[in-house]
Amino acid sequence: MNQMILIQKNNENETSNGPFTIKNLMTSSDETVGSLTQIQSSKDVPQPREKWVSKYDFLMSIIGFAVDLANVWRFPYICFKNGGGAFLIPYFAMLVFGAVPLFYMELILGQFHQKGAIGIWKICPLFQGVGVAQNMISFIVALYYNVINGWCFYFLFKSFTYSLPWMTCHPNISTSHCINMEDYLMKNYSRNSSGAVNYSISSLEYFERVVLQVHKSSGIGDLGLPRWELVSCTLGVFVILYITIRRGIKSSGKVVYVTVLLPYVLLIVLLINGLMLPGAKNGIVRFITPNFSILAHTEVWIEAAVQIFYSVGAGFGVHLAYASYNRLNNKCFRDCVATVIVNSGTSLLAGFVVFSYLGYISYLLKDDIDNVVTHGPSLVFQIYPFAIATIRGSSFWSIMFFLLLINLGLDSAMGGIESVVTGLHDVIPIHWKIIKRRDVLSLIVLIFAFLGSIPVVTNGGIYVFTLLDRHAAGTSLLFGALMQAIGVAWFYGLNQFCSDCKQMLGYSPSIFWRICWKFLAPSFILAIVICSTVSMTRLSYPFGCFHPELNMKEYEFPSWSVIIGWGISLSSMIMIPIFAIWNWIHYKNFYKAITPIWEQDQKFERYKRKRLAHWISMGPCDVWPLKEFQQIMYRKKTEMINETTSSSDNICVDERAL
């Protein structure tokens, strides 16, 4: 309460009509938006929102969510394919002008309004569907992302042996062309009549034929039965998530110290070992060698934008949820900058680790590194295990590698589930006491997520995984982030948003942030949406090895499955217009539907959104160059007034001056 009084005292001369006055805090702090607003009885007493025990708990949590598996299995490949070291130019350009402003915006919103992705839109009920869409995206991603963690646990358990299981072929499962790792390294394999090598390495077959058993499924229309080993491992992941988040940030805030810091120890250990392998130097040199000519291609800039956008993690509602548990005086800009630096640094570190081992594989295969480089599941479950199996103490290095992946995956998984739980918790009525309990609500969300992940652990689950990976958080995520930027910068208004920031942090955002929020970031996202949609290629899954039962090197998805994929994308995007129409009807007035709920009874505040000044405003004139422009206009106005004074007064002034 003292903190609230202090905020009001320090801002008693402000013109902002934000929610953080004593009167508004007492009357509307737990009010939800639009149609989700519930009438509370006098017996219902809102519980104070829990806070991070330490500011470092929050920092570790957002770093843990931002740094995930994509830093290991996607960034190195994208960087290598798009000009090596030259790729860092568009990468950091898109980072500064697009991703960071949106990230910073989410931290300010969540921290000031103390709400998750859905409840935050009390600032503009018309855009409530944005929060619903973001929570739906986070939930759908949880259906397949946690299966990756399940695969990692499977490989981790199999690593506790003297001889790794993917070093040898498996009877009745492996193909007739399968050769053991030892035979391969000794060149003990045959060639066909054309002179081509006729073999399939056991490590490449292990993931698809032993773990997934994809050869028992003819396609996405024939998924087959769930693999009980993968079901068990995935269930274990969800159990860990429940234990971690059931008590809220008090428990998850401590777990992240392990899941965030341990991967860096493991990365450094793996890098040191990789640098001592033959061919590692060549791999790293190929990774960082710049090719500036490729920057002339538009695709490179699109790849950079998409990579950094997904890497930072804006648009999932996770940063909103985490920031909503901050204290109001937390320096969120510092956390934003620290997270971005750590995230980009981790991507570069992971690139050195990955390419040291890819260079080693290139040395073993006597092949160009271009033919070895890959990304996604193929990299971490087929190529990397192959490299590890050839190293002395392979079991130890395998354990280290999959522990690294598990810790990276669990951080992001916790963030995604926390976003959904926080979003629902904010809008569930207080008198639904049982469901509103954190442990019960977390259990319900995780049970449904686990049941939804069952199709991904079937024989044909890799097809479902590929479909969801393409459509669950692709165009829909970008569209949601675009609507969020427009809703805040244009409808809520930079004048109000900057006043909120000044009231909370004591200073107003600079002109750079305002231009990014108002123009650059929305334009940046819109360009990505259009270009990525237009340039979208056909959906397929390339097999890591040849399967005689399927008689194909690549599975092409049928048209009906692509339609289902777009249906998954639209299922979240459609929430935005649906809730916009619903709230427009609910408030019976467009301008009332775009007015913050704490201003609904203030006619002047509602009508000010009819004025052009609200829509073109760049915020209060309290920063350069707006402040200087205001001073110039004031001086000109003063000069005009002085020119209207009588000539006799001017003569008197001149005489006195002489």
Foldseek 3Di string as FASTA:
>chain_A
DVVLVVLCVVCVVPPFPDQRHPVSCVPPLLAAFFPLGDDDDPVFDDDDFAFFPDPVLLLLLLLLQLQFCCLQFPLLLLCLVQFFQLLVVLLVVLVVQAQLLLLLLLLLQLQLSLAFLQRSCLLFLLQSLLSVLLLLLLLLCLLQLLLVLLVLVVQLVQLPDPARPLQQADPPFDDPQEDGLVCVLVVNFDADPVRHTRHDYSLQSCCQGPQLVLLVAQAPVGQAAFDVSSLVSSVVLLVVLLVQDLVHSVRVSVVSVCLRPLLVVLLVVLLVVLVPAPQLVVLVCSNRRGDNVSVVDPVSSLSSNVSSNVSSPRQNRLSSLSSSNHHLQDPVSVSSVVSSVVSVVSSVSSSSSLSSLLSNVCVSVVHDSVVRDDGDCCSLRRSVLSSLSVDVVSSVNSNSSSSSNSSSSSSSSSSSLSSNLRNVLSSDDSVVPVCNNSSNVSVVSSVVSSVSNRSLRTSNNVNVSLLCVDQSCDLLSLVSSLSVLCLVPFLSHQQNSQVSVCSRHVHGDALSSLCSSQPRNNVSSVVSSVVCVVPPDFGKAARSDDRPSNRDRIGGHDPVSNVVSNVSSVVSVVSSNVSSVSSCVSVVHNLLSSHNPVCNPPVVSSCVSVDPCRRPPSHDQPHPPSVVVVVVVVVVVVVVVVVPDDVVVVVVVVVVVD
